[in-house]
C-alpha atoms as a PDB file:
ATOM      1  CA  UNK A   1      -5.102 -95.179 -41.187  1.00  0.00           C
ATOM      2  CA  UNK A   2      -1.811 -97.323 -42.365  1.00  0.00           C
ATOM      3  CA  UNK A   3      -2.094 -99.057 -39.057  1.00  0.00           C
ATOM      4  CA  UNK A   4      -5.825 -99.854 -39.709  1.00  0.00           C
ATOM      5  CA  UNK A   5      -4.832-101.086 -43.275  1.00  0.00           C
ATOM      6  CA  UNK A   6      -2.045-103.226 -41.816  1.00  0.00           C
ATOM      7  CA  UNK A   7      -4.280-104.791 -39.291  1.00  0.00           C
ATOM      8  CA  UNK A   8      -6.941-105.448 -41.493  1.00  0.00           C
ATOM      9  CA  UNK A   9      -4.591-107.120 -44.119  1.00  0.00           C
ATOM     10  CA  UNK A  10      -2.975-109.100 -41.168  1.00  0.00           C
ATOM     11  CA  UNK A  11      -6.290-110.570 -39.860  1.00  0.00           C
ATOM     12  CA  UNK A  12      -7.268-111.698 -43.636  1.00  0.00           C
ATOM     13  CA  UNK A  13      -3.585-113.314 -43.982  1.00  0.00           C
ATOM     14  CA  UNK A  14      -4.366-115.129 -40.584  1.00  0.00           C
ATOM     15  CA  UNK A  15      -7.804-116.364 -41.767  1.00  0.00           C
ATOM     16  CA  UNK A  16      -6.808-117.251 -45.143  1.00  0.00           C
ATOM     17  CA  UNK A  17      -3.264-116.490 -46.502  1.00  0.00           C
ATOM     18  CA  UNK A  18      -0.657-113.574 -47.290  1.00  0.00           C
ATOM     19  CA  UNK A  19      -1.635-114.009 -51.118  1.00  0.00           C
ATOM     20  CA  UNK A  20      -5.555-113.554 -50.459  1.00  0.00           C
ATOM     21  CA  UNK A  21      -4.893-110.661 -48.122  1.00  0.00           C
ATOM     22  CA  UNK A  22      -2.941-108.912 -50.773  1.00  0.00           C
ATOM     23  CA  UNK A  23      -5.368-109.468 -53.162  1.00  0.00           C
ATOM     24  CA  UNK A  24      -8.111-108.037 -51.204  1.00  0.00           C
ATOM     25  CA  UNK A  25      -6.326-104.931 -50.205  1.00  0.00           C
ATOM     26  CA  UNK A  26      -5.438-104.279 -53.882  1.00  0.00           C
ATOM     27  CA  UNK A  27      -8.956-105.292 -55.247  1.00  0.00           C
ATOM     28  CA  UNK A  28     -11.114-103.478 -52.337  1.00  0.00           C
ATOM     29  CA  UNK A  29      -9.286-102.657 -49.020  1.00  0.00           C
ATOM     30  CA  UNK A  30      -7.395 -99.707 -50.087  1.00  0.00           C
ATOM     31  CA  UNK A  31     -10.332 -97.927 -51.798  1.00  0.00           C
ATOM     32  CA  UNK A  32     -12.560 -98.643 -48.909  1.00  0.00           C
ATOM     33  CA  UNK A  33      -9.846 -97.155 -46.386  1.00  0.00           C
ATOM     34  CA  UNK A  34      -8.940 -94.348 -48.509  1.00  0.00           C
ATOM     35  CA  UNK A  35      -8.228 -91.099 -46.353  1.00  0.00           C
ATOM     36  CA  UNK A  36     -10.471 -89.055 -48.546  1.00  0.00           C
ATOM     37  CA  UNK A  37     -13.302 -91.583 -48.365  1.00  0.00           C
ATOM     38  CA  UNK A  38     -13.411 -93.553 -45.042  1.00  0.00           C
ATOM     39  CA  UNK A  39     -15.079 -91.960 -41.816  1.00  0.00           C
ATOM     40  CA  UNK A  40     -13.811 -93.564 -38.804  1.00  0.00           C
ATOM     41  CA  UNK A  41     -16.827 -92.090 -37.017  1.00  0.00           C
ATOM     42  CA  UNK A  42     -19.221 -93.945 -39.291  1.00  0.00           C
ATOM     43  CA  UNK A  43     -17.083 -96.849 -39.934  1.00  0.00           C
ATOM     44  CA  UNK A  44     -18.167 -99.861 -42.061  1.00  0.00           C
ATOM     45  CA  UNK A  45     -18.895-103.596 -42.522  1.00  0.00           C
ATOM     46  CA  UNK A  46     -17.296-105.725 -44.943  1.00  0.00           C
ATOM     47  CA  UNK A  47     -18.440-109.257 -46.207  1.00  0.00           C
ATOM     48  CA  UNK A  48     -15.767-110.637 -48.244  1.00  0.00           C
ATOM     49  CA  UNK A  49     -16.461-113.561 -50.737  1.00  0.00           C
ATOM     50  CA  UNK A  50     -13.248-115.418 -51.497  1.00  0.00           C
ATOM     51  CA  UNK A  51     -12.901-117.933 -54.239  1.00  0.00           C
ATOM     52  CA  UNK A  52     -12.416-121.384 -52.962  1.00  0.00           C
ATOM     53  CA  UNK A  53      -9.086-121.665 -54.648  1.00  0.00           C
ATOM     54  CA  UNK A  54      -8.008-118.826 -52.660  1.00  0.00           C
ATOM     55  CA  UNK A  55      -8.324-120.582 -49.306  1.00  0.00           C
ATOM     56  CA  UNK A  56      -5.665-121.884 -47.352  1.00  0.00           C
ATOM     57  CA  UNK A  57      -5.549-125.463 -46.637  1.00  0.00           C
ATOM     58  CA  UNK A  58      -5.566-124.789 -42.672  1.00  0.00           C
ATOM     59  CA  UNK A  59      -9.000-123.084 -43.104  1.00  0.00           C
ATOM     60  CA  UNK A  60     -10.791-125.228 -45.536  1.00  0.00           C
ATOM     61  CA  UNK A  61     -13.978-127.099 -44.107  1.00  0.00           C
ATOM     62  CA  UNK A  62     -13.385-130.732 -43.115  1.00  0.00           C
END
């Protein structure tokens, strides 16, 4: 499961930045991917709303 967490955090960091990825994992990601709760057979989809202030400059709409 740690590989999955690492990949998700890396993807969020690529889309936004490392601070946003860390915030997401601490606020929601770690709970969603808890070994006692997550069923890989069922999986899940996550829609994350990120505050505009947390968006990196490179990913802001132009």
